[in-house]
Amino acid sequence: MKTVISSKGQIVMPAEFRRMDRIEPGQEFDVERIDQGEYRLVRREAPPNLGVTDWLLMCPQKGFFVPIESEMTDTL
């Protein structure tokens, strides 16, 4: 797939790839030079639990998650 480097040296990731791989603004990548004119782009892993606090704060109401009294999941 074709892309263009901007005057600021930025590379645009095609929208199809962003959708397929759930790439969002602000995610970090490493760029490796393999050979002259050949490069590899690798997404860095997000820190563990990144975004969990925001996800929990979006809970529709207080007390939404209620613990279930059970020792085994077979009884659910």
C-alpha atoms as a PDB file:
ATOM      1  CA  MET A   1       0.000   0.000   0.000  1.00  0.00           C
ATOM      2  CA  LYS A   2       1.322   3.456  -0.884  1.00  0.00           C
ATOM      3  CA  THR A   3       1.861   6.268   1.616  1.00  0.00           C
ATOM      4  CA  VAL A   4       3.652   9.637   1.548  1.00  0.00           C
ATOM      5  CA  ILE A   5       6.148  11.318   3.856  1.00  0.00           C
ATOM      6  CA  SER A   6       5.051  14.819   4.827  1.00  0.00           C
ATOM      7  CA  SER A   7       7.261  17.920   4.765  1.00  0.00           C
ATOM      8  CA  LYS A   8       7.716  17.353   8.525  1.00  0.00           C
ATOM      9  CA  GLY A   9       9.027  13.821   7.933  1.00  0.00           C
ATOM     10  CA  GLN A  10       5.831  12.140   9.133  1.00  0.00           C
ATOM     11  CA  ILE A  11       4.573   8.913   7.602  1.00  0.00           C
ATOM     12  CA  VAL A  12       0.838   8.358   7.289  1.00  0.00           C
ATOM     13  CA  MET A  13      -0.349   4.853   8.162  1.00  0.00           C
ATOM     14  CA  PRO A  14      -3.111   3.876   5.709  1.00  0.00           C
ATOM     15  CA  ALA A  15      -6.586   3.849   7.299  1.00  0.00           C
ATOM     16  CA  GLU A  16      -7.177   0.212   6.336  1.00  0.00           C
ATOM     17  CA  PHE A  17      -4.143  -0.888   8.386  1.00  0.00           C
ATOM     18  CA  ARG A  18      -5.162   1.320  11.328  1.00  0.00           C
ATOM     19  CA  ARG A  19      -8.614  -0.282  11.391  1.00  0.00           C
ATOM     20  CA  MET A  20      -7.342  -3.858  10.995  1.00  0.00           C
ATOM     21  CA  ASP A  21      -4.774  -3.494  13.797  1.00  0.00           C
ATOM     22  CA  ARG A  22      -6.706  -1.066  16.018  1.00  0.00           C
ATOM     23  CA  ILE A  23      -3.989   1.568  15.806  1.00  0.00           C
ATOM     24  CA  GLU A  24      -4.957   4.777  17.596  1.00  0.00           C
ATOM     25  CA  PRO A  25      -3.377   8.238  17.801  1.00  0.00           C
ATOM     26  CA  GLY A  26      -0.596   8.410  20.363  1.00  0.00           C
ATOM     27  CA  GLN A  27       0.489   4.776  20.085  1.00  0.00           C
ATOM     28  CA  GLU A  28       4.246   4.379  19.829  1.00  0.00           C
ATOM     29  CA  PHE A  29       6.253   2.521  17.197  1.00  0.00           C
ATOM     30  CA  ASP A  30       9.903   1.664  16.672  1.00  0.00           C
ATOM     31  CA  VAL A  31      11.422   2.210  13.233  1.00  0.00           C
ATOM     32  CA  GLU A  32      14.294  -0.080  12.297  1.00  0.00           C
ATOM     33  CA  ARG A  33      16.551   0.412   9.292  1.00  0.00           C
ATOM     34  CA  ILE A  34      16.986  -2.985   7.670  1.00  0.00           C
ATOM     35  CA  ASP A  35      18.931  -1.895   4.577  1.00  0.00           C
ATOM     36  CA  GLN A  36      19.196   1.113   2.284  1.00  0.00           C
ATOM     37  CA  GLY A  37      15.617   2.114   1.442  1.00  0.00           C
ATOM     38  CA  GLU A  38      14.162  -0.735   3.548  1.00  0.00           C
ATOM     39  CA  TYR A  39      12.603  -0.117   6.966  1.00  0.00           C
ATOM     40  CA  ARG A  40      10.511  -1.992   9.490  1.00  0.00           C
ATOM     41  CA  LEU A  41       7.815  -0.431  11.673  1.00  0.00           C
ATOM     42  CA  VAL A  42       6.987  -2.255  14.934  1.00  0.00           C
ATOM     43  CA  ARG A  43       4.295  -1.208  17.414  1.00  0.00           C
ATOM     44  CA  ARG A  44       5.547  -0.935  20.985  1.00  0.00           C
ATOM     45  CA  GLU A  45       3.541  -2.793  23.578  1.00  0.00           C
ATOM     46  CA  ALA A  46       1.316  -0.670  25.766  1.00  0.00           C
ATOM     47  CA  PRO A  47       2.102  -0.697  29.476  1.00  0.00           C
ATOM     48  CA  PRO A  48       0.060  -3.324  31.346  1.00  0.00           C
ATOM     49  CA  ASN A  49      -3.396  -2.119  32.395  1.00  0.00           C
ATOM     50  CA  LEU A  50      -3.162   1.038  30.297  1.00  0.00           C
ATOM     51  CA  GLY A  51      -6.658   2.521  30.117  1.00  0.00           C
ATOM     52  CA  VAL A  52      -8.190   0.295  32.810  1.00  0.00           C
ATOM     53  CA  THR A  53      -8.947   3.249  35.076  1.00  0.00           C
ATOM     54  CA  ASP A  54     -10.745   5.110  32.283  1.00  0.00           C
ATOM     55  CA  TRP A  55     -12.676   1.944  31.411  1.00  0.00           C
ATOM     56  CA  LEU A  56     -13.794   1.460  35.022  1.00  0.00           C
ATOM     57  CA  LEU A  57     -14.791   5.115  35.344  1.00  0.00           C
ATOM     58  CA  MET A  58     -17.107   4.670  32.322  1.00  0.00           C
ATOM     59  CA  CYS A  59     -19.143   2.164  34.336  1.00  0.00           C
ATOM     60  CA  PRO A  60     -22.827   3.093  33.848  1.00  0.00           C
ATOM     61  CA  GLN A  61     -23.620   3.261  37.561  1.00  0.00           C
ATOM     62  CA  LYS A  62     -22.076   2.713  40.956  1.00  0.00           C
ATOM     63  CA  GLY A  63     -22.324  -0.871  42.094  1.00  0.00           C
ATOM     64  CA  PHE A  64     -22.609  -2.154  38.523  1.00  0.00           C
ATOM     65  CA  PHE A  65     -20.128  -4.949  39.233  1.00  0.00           C
ATOM     66  CA  VAL A  66     -21.481  -7.139  42.002  1.00  0.00           C
ATOM     67  CA  PRO A  67     -19.469 -10.096  43.293  1.00  0.00           C
ATOM     68  CA  ILE A  68     -21.161 -13.457  42.945  1.00  0.00           C
ATOM     69  CA  GLU A  69     -20.940 -15.769  45.937  1.00  0.00           C
ATOM     70  CA  SER A  70     -19.630 -19.000  44.516  1.00  0.00           C
ATOM     71  CA  GLU A  71     -16.589 -21.150  45.006  1.00  0.00           C
ATOM     72  CA  MET A  72     -16.736 -22.680  41.542  1.00  0.00           C
ATOM     73  CA  THR A  73     -17.701 -21.323  38.161  1.00  0.00           C
ATOM     74  CA  ASP A  74     -19.609 -24.564  37.465  1.00  0.00           C
ATOM     75  CA  THR A  75     -22.507 -23.242  39.538  1.00  0.00           C
ATOM     76  CA  LEU A  76     -22.967 -20.111  37.438  1.00  0.00           C
END
